[in-house]
Amino acid sequence: MPTRIHTLIAATLLTFAFPASPAHAEDGIWKVGDGYVIRFAKLDLSNTLDRQTLLGQVERTAEKLCRSERPAAARNACKAETIRSMKNSAGPGLRATLDVARIERDGIQQAQR
């Protein structure tokens, strides 16, 4: 229970410390890799569900970029590195939004155990 409370407090603090705005691209379009685009202009990144939607888009894009990797361990490592690289290419506000989304998702998963 204390872990869940700490997670929620951290997520709340991050939300207020870094305003959730499309920091990387003013038009809400994030170009990733060769030919992949994540569109988030219509997402309200101050909303939990929309942050989860953005995180899902990032993870699906990483899966697409790494789908040809074999074996599964190499594919998983590729996805983790791709997500890390995508976050590094984002602006600080978008990076913080993705961090908050992961904290929120991990907190919910932890609470469900």
Protein backbone atom coordinates (compact mmCIF):
# COMPACT_ATOMS: atom_id res chain seq x y z
CA MET A 1 0.00 0.00 0.00
CA PRO A 2 2.74 2.57 0.80
CA THR A 3 4.36 1.88 -2.59
CA ARG A 4 1.11 2.70 -4.37
CA ILE A 5 0.75 5.95 -2.43
CA HIS A 6 4.35 6.93 -3.23
CA THR A 7 3.75 6.14 -6.91
CA LEU A 8 0.62 8.28 -7.03
CA ILE A 9 2.37 11.15 -5.25
CA ALA A 10 5.31 10.95 -7.68
CA ALA A 11 2.97 10.91 -10.67
CA THR A 12 1.09 13.92 -9.33
CA LEU A 13 4.27 15.86 -8.67
CA LEU A 14 5.62 15.09 -12.14
CA THR A 15 2.35 16.17 -13.71
CA PHE A 16 2.56 19.58 -12.06
CA ALA A 17 6.33 19.96 -12.40
CA PHE A 18 6.23 19.48 -16.17
CA PRO A 19 3.12 20.81 -17.85
CA ALA A 20 1.84 18.24 -20.31
CA SER A 21 2.02 20.02 -23.60
CA PRO A 22 3.15 18.86 -27.01
CA ALA A 23 6.71 19.96 -26.28
CA HIS A 24 8.39 18.10 -29.11
CA ALA A 25 6.23 19.31 -31.97
CA GLU A 26 3.93 22.26 -31.82
CA ASP A 27 1.55 20.60 -34.24
CA GLY A 28 1.25 17.38 -32.20
CA ILE A 29 3.13 15.22 -34.69
CA TRP A 30 6.19 13.26 -33.57
CA LYS A 31 8.29 11.74 -36.34
CA VAL A 32 9.96 8.51 -35.24
CA GLY A 33 12.39 6.33 -37.15
CA ASP A 34 11.98 5.88 -40.88
CA GLY A 35 8.42 6.64 -41.81
CA TYR A 36 6.64 6.34 -38.46
CA VAL A 37 4.61 9.19 -37.06
CA ILE A 38 2.88 9.45 -33.70
CA ARG A 39 -0.01 11.90 -33.74
CA PHE A 40 -1.05 13.30 -30.40
CA ALA A 41 -2.49 16.74 -31.18
CA LYS A 42 -5.99 15.63 -30.19
CA LEU A 43 -4.82 14.10 -26.90
CA ASP A 44 -5.21 16.02 -23.66
CA LEU A 45 -1.94 15.04 -22.00
CA SER A 46 -3.19 16.30 -18.63
CA ASN A 47 -5.67 13.39 -18.75
CA THR A 48 -4.55 9.95 -17.53
CA LEU A 49 -6.30 8.01 -20.31
CA ASP A 50 -4.79 10.20 -23.01
CA ARG A 51 -1.30 9.80 -21.48
CA GLN A 52 -1.85 6.02 -21.58
CA THR A 53 -2.92 6.32 -25.23
CA LEU A 54 0.30 8.17 -26.07
CA LEU A 55 2.41 5.59 -24.20
CA GLY A 56 0.61 2.82 -26.09
CA GLN A 57 1.38 4.53 -29.40
CA VAL A 58 5.06 4.78 -28.47
CA GLU A 59 5.21 1.11 -27.47
CA ARG A 60 3.38 -0.04 -30.64
CA THR A 61 5.76 2.01 -32.79
CA ALA A 62 8.74 0.37 -31.06
CA GLU A 63 7.19 -3.05 -31.71
CA LYS A 64 6.82 -2.22 -35.42
CA LEU A 65 10.41 -0.98 -35.65
CA CYS A 66 11.73 -4.16 -34.00
CA ARG A 67 9.41 -6.82 -35.44
CA SER A 68 12.12 -8.35 -37.64
CA GLU A 69 14.54 -8.97 -34.76
CA ARG A 70 15.10 -12.63 -33.83
CA PRO A 71 15.14 -14.27 -31.26
CA ALA A 72 12.57 -12.84 -28.86
CA ALA A 73 15.25 -11.63 -26.43
CA ALA A 74 16.83 -9.51 -29.18
CA ARG A 75 13.39 -8.16 -30.14
CA ASN A 76 12.67 -7.19 -26.50
CA ALA A 77 16.07 -5.50 -26.18
CA CYS A 78 15.44 -3.65 -29.45
CA LYS A 79 12.04 -2.43 -28.21
CA ALA A 80 13.51 -1.20 -24.92
CA GLU A 81 16.34 0.63 -26.71
CA THR A 82 13.94 2.09 -29.29
CA ILE A 83 11.64 3.45 -26.57
CA ARG A 84 14.66 4.91 -24.75
CA SER A 85 15.85 6.53 -27.99
CA MET A 86 12.37 7.87 -28.76
CA LYS A 87 12.15 9.45 -25.31
CA ASN A 88 15.59 11.01 -25.75
CA SER A 89 14.49 12.57 -29.04
CA ALA A 90 11.41 14.12 -27.40
CA GLY A 91 11.29 17.47 -25.69
CA PRO A 92 11.38 17.64 -21.88
CA GLY A 93 7.60 18.09 -21.52
CA LEU A 94 6.84 15.06 -23.68
CA ARG A 95 9.50 12.98 -21.89
CA ALA A 96 7.95 13.89 -18.54
CA THR A 97 4.49 12.99 -19.86
CA LEU A 98 5.73 9.55 -20.93
CA ASP A 99 7.42 9.06 -17.54
CA VAL A 100 4.19 9.95 -15.75
CA ALA A 101 2.24 7.55 -17.99
CA ARG A 102 4.62 4.69 -17.16
CA ILE A 103 4.48 5.46 -13.43
CA GLU A 104 0.69 5.52 -13.56
CA ARG A 105 0.50 2.25 -15.50
CA ASP A 106 3.05 0.53 -13.29
CA GLY A 107 1.24 1.78 -10.17
CA ILE A 108 -2.06 0.36 -11.39
CA GLN A 109 -0.45 -2.97 -12.26
CA GLN A 110 1.23 -3.07 -8.83
CA ALA A 111 -2.07 -2.30 -7.09
CA GLN A 112 -3.82 -5.10 -8.98
CA ARG A 113 -1.40 -7.73 -7.66
